[in-house]
Amino acid sequence: DGFRNRYHIDARLLANIGPVTKENGRLFLHANGEKIDITDELVETGSYHDTYEMTVGREDGSEEPRTVTITVTGNLEAWTVTQDNGDGTAATTISG
């Protein structure tokens, strides 16, 4: 990235699966090293919201704390995931 920063890239993103997967009729959010069943909340309210803290290590040995916010909206057939990475960048993934 020009600054020689070290980033963790989730293999699911490289495989183009995305942060939410549908398995046996249920939706799972893959975030912060966890697999979270979001089915019931998405069905009941139309959205799921999660915030977690993470630390990004840099090559110079320093660390930067970040608050990551993920919001999933939609239903079991079509959903949108918005992730604010806590560093001024964000990403949106739309199912299907």
C-alpha atoms as a PDB file:
ATOM      1  CA  ASP A   1       0.000   0.000   0.000  1.00  0.00           C
ATOM      2  CA  GLY A   2       2.998   2.300  -0.239  1.00  0.00           C
ATOM      3  CA  PHE A   3       3.410   2.511   3.540  1.00  0.00           C
ATOM      4  CA  ARG A   4       4.638  -1.069   4.048  1.00  0.00           C
ATOM      5  CA  ASN A   5       1.734  -1.852   6.376  1.00  0.00           C
ATOM      6  CA  ARG A   6       0.791  -5.434   7.128  1.00  0.00           C
ATOM      7  CA  TYR A   7      -2.842  -6.442   6.628  1.00  0.00           C
ATOM      8  CA  HIS A   8      -4.731  -9.646   7.330  1.00  0.00           C
ATOM      9  CA  ILE A   9      -6.781 -10.699   4.300  1.00  0.00           C
ATOM     10  CA  ASP A  10      -9.585 -13.138   4.961  1.00  0.00           C
ATOM     11  CA  ALA A  11      -9.386 -16.137   2.603  1.00  0.00           C
ATOM     12  CA  ARG A  12     -13.180 -16.025   2.085  1.00  0.00           C
ATOM     13  CA  LEU A  13     -12.813 -12.631   0.407  1.00  0.00           C
ATOM     14  CA  LEU A  14     -10.182 -14.010  -1.936  1.00  0.00           C
ATOM     15  CA  ALA A  15     -12.447 -16.942  -2.747  1.00  0.00           C
ATOM     16  CA  ASN A  16     -15.272 -14.456  -3.499  1.00  0.00           C
ATOM     17  CA  ILE A  17     -17.607 -16.093  -0.967  1.00  0.00           C
ATOM     18  CA  GLY A  18     -18.122 -12.926   1.034  1.00  0.00           C
ATOM     19  CA  PRO A  19     -18.562 -12.199   4.725  1.00  0.00           C
ATOM     20  CA  VAL A  20     -22.016 -13.850   4.874  1.00  0.00           C
ATOM     21  CA  THR A  21     -22.692 -17.427   3.844  1.00  0.00           C
ATOM     22  CA  LYS A  22     -25.943 -19.372   3.566  1.00  0.00           C
ATOM     23  CA  GLU A  23     -25.789 -22.891   4.950  1.00  0.00           C
ATOM     24  CA  ASN A  24     -28.784 -25.211   5.312  1.00  0.00           C
ATOM     25  CA  GLY A  25     -31.188 -22.267   5.056  1.00  0.00           C
ATOM     26  CA  ARG A  26     -29.405 -20.171   7.720  1.00  0.00           C
ATOM     27  CA  LEU A  27     -27.197 -17.092   7.300  1.00  0.00           C
ATOM     28  CA  PHE A  28     -23.818 -16.828   8.992  1.00  0.00           C
ATOM     29  CA  LEU A  29     -21.674 -13.719   9.359  1.00  0.00           C
ATOM     30  CA  HIS A  30     -17.934 -14.463   9.351  1.00  0.00           C
ATOM     31  CA  ALA A  31     -16.285 -11.674  11.342  1.00  0.00           C
ATOM     32  CA  ASN A  32     -13.576 -11.243  13.945  1.00  0.00           C
ATOM     33  CA  GLY A  33     -12.631 -14.917  13.650  1.00  0.00           C
ATOM     34  CA  GLU A  34     -16.171 -16.027  14.488  1.00  0.00           C
ATOM     35  CA  LYS A  35     -19.045 -17.639  12.605  1.00  0.00           C
ATOM     36  CA  ILE A  36     -22.202 -15.905  13.877  1.00  0.00           C
ATOM     37  CA  ASP A  37     -25.702 -17.182  13.064  1.00  0.00           C
ATOM     38  CA  ILE A  38     -27.620 -14.008  12.144  1.00  0.00           C
ATOM     39  CA  THR A  39     -30.713 -15.728  10.731  1.00  0.00           C
ATOM     40  CA  ASP A  40     -33.236 -15.054  13.486  1.00  0.00           C
ATOM     41  CA  GLU A  41     -32.365 -11.378  13.944  1.00  0.00           C
ATOM     42  CA  LEU A  42     -32.362 -10.733  10.201  1.00  0.00           C
ATOM     43  CA  VAL A  43     -35.777 -12.398   9.810  1.00  0.00           C
ATOM     44  CA  GLU A  44     -37.268 -10.577  12.817  1.00  0.00           C
ATOM     45  CA  THR A  45     -35.863  -7.071  12.273  1.00  0.00           C
ATOM     46  CA  GLY A  46     -34.489  -6.966   8.726  1.00  0.00           C
ATOM     47  CA  SER A  47     -30.989  -6.178   9.962  1.00  0.00           C
ATOM     48  CA  TYR A  48     -28.058  -7.362  12.066  1.00  0.00           C
ATOM     49  CA  HIS A  49     -25.442  -5.041  13.550  1.00  0.00           C
ATOM     50  CA  ASP A  50     -22.091  -5.913  15.155  1.00  0.00           C
ATOM     51  CA  THR A  51     -19.152  -3.846  16.367  1.00  0.00           C
ATOM     52  CA  TYR A  52     -15.821  -5.200  17.512  1.00  0.00           C
ATOM     53  CA  GLU A  53     -12.357  -3.955  18.363  1.00  0.00           C
ATOM     54  CA  MET A  54      -9.280  -5.132  16.503  1.00  0.00           C
ATOM     55  CA  THR A  55      -5.613  -4.241  16.457  1.00  0.00           C
ATOM     56  CA  VAL A  56      -3.688  -3.880  13.225  1.00  0.00           C
ATOM     57  CA  GLY A  57       0.029  -4.633  13.447  1.00  0.00           C
ATOM     58  CA  ARG A  58       2.469  -2.701  11.312  1.00  0.00           C
ATOM     59  CA  GLU A  59       5.884  -3.778  10.027  1.00  0.00           C
ATOM     60  CA  ASP A  60       7.566  -1.235  12.291  1.00  0.00           C
ATOM     61  CA  GLY A  61       6.132  -3.116  15.290  1.00  0.00           C
ATOM     62  CA  SER A  62       3.558  -0.478  16.186  1.00  0.00           C
ATOM     63  CA  GLU A  63      -0.094  -1.354  16.587  1.00  0.00           C
ATOM     64  CA  GLU A  64      -3.207   0.589  15.694  1.00  0.00           C
ATOM     65  CA  PRO A  65      -6.530  -0.092  17.449  1.00  0.00           C
ATOM     66  CA  ARG A  66      -9.648   0.071  15.291  1.00  0.00           C
ATOM     67  CA  THR A  67     -13.368  -0.293  15.810  1.00  0.00           C
ATOM     68  CA  VAL A  68     -14.937  -2.302  12.983  1.00  0.00           C
ATOM     69  CA  THR A  69     -18.675  -1.999  12.385  1.00  0.00           C
ATOM     70  CA  ILE A  70     -20.648  -4.486  10.295  1.00  0.00           C
ATOM     71  CA  THR A  71     -24.293  -4.100   9.302  1.00  0.00           C
ATOM     72  CA  VAL A  72     -26.269  -6.713   7.369  1.00  0.00           C
ATOM     73  CA  THR A  73     -29.661  -5.729   5.946  1.00  0.00           C
ATOM     74  CA  GLY A  74     -32.184  -7.682   3.900  1.00  0.00           C
ATOM     75  CA  ASN A  75     -33.660 -11.152   4.228  1.00  0.00           C
ATOM     76  CA  LEU A  76     -32.674 -14.785   3.735  1.00  0.00           C
ATOM     77  CA  GLU A  77     -32.810 -14.488  -0.049  1.00  0.00           C
ATOM     78  CA  ALA A  78     -31.029 -11.164  -0.608  1.00  0.00           C
ATOM     79  CA  TRP A  79     -28.796  -9.214   1.765  1.00  0.00           C
ATOM     80  CA  THR A  80     -26.319  -6.353   1.803  1.00  0.00           C
ATOM     81  CA  VAL A  81     -23.278  -6.244   4.086  1.00  0.00           C
ATOM     82  CA  THR A  82     -21.655  -2.908   4.909  1.00  0.00           C
ATOM     83  CA  GLN A  83     -18.364  -2.939   6.795  1.00  0.00           C
ATOM     84  CA  ASP A  84     -16.727   0.183   8.191  1.00  0.00           C
ATOM     85  CA  ASN A  85     -13.099  -0.782   8.818  1.00  0.00           C
ATOM     86  CA  GLY A  86     -12.486   1.941  11.380  1.00  0.00           C
ATOM     87  CA  ASP A  87      -9.718   3.510   9.318  1.00  0.00           C
ATOM     88  CA  GLY A  88     -11.740   5.675   6.971  1.00  0.00           C
ATOM     89  CA  THR A  89     -12.413   2.837   4.525  1.00  0.00           C
ATOM     90  CA  ALA A  90     -15.597   0.843   4.061  1.00  0.00           C
ATOM     91  CA  ALA A  91     -16.805  -1.974   1.865  1.00  0.00           C
ATOM     92  CA  THR A  92     -20.232  -3.127   0.711  1.00  0.00           C
ATOM     93  CA  THR A  93     -21.047  -6.634  -0.449  1.00  0.00           C
ATOM     94  CA  ILE A  94     -24.370  -7.541  -2.068  1.00  0.00           C
ATOM     95  CA  SER A  95     -25.526 -11.160  -2.203  1.00  0.00           C
ATOM     96  CA  GLY A  96     -26.173 -13.129  -5.334  1.00  0.00           C
END
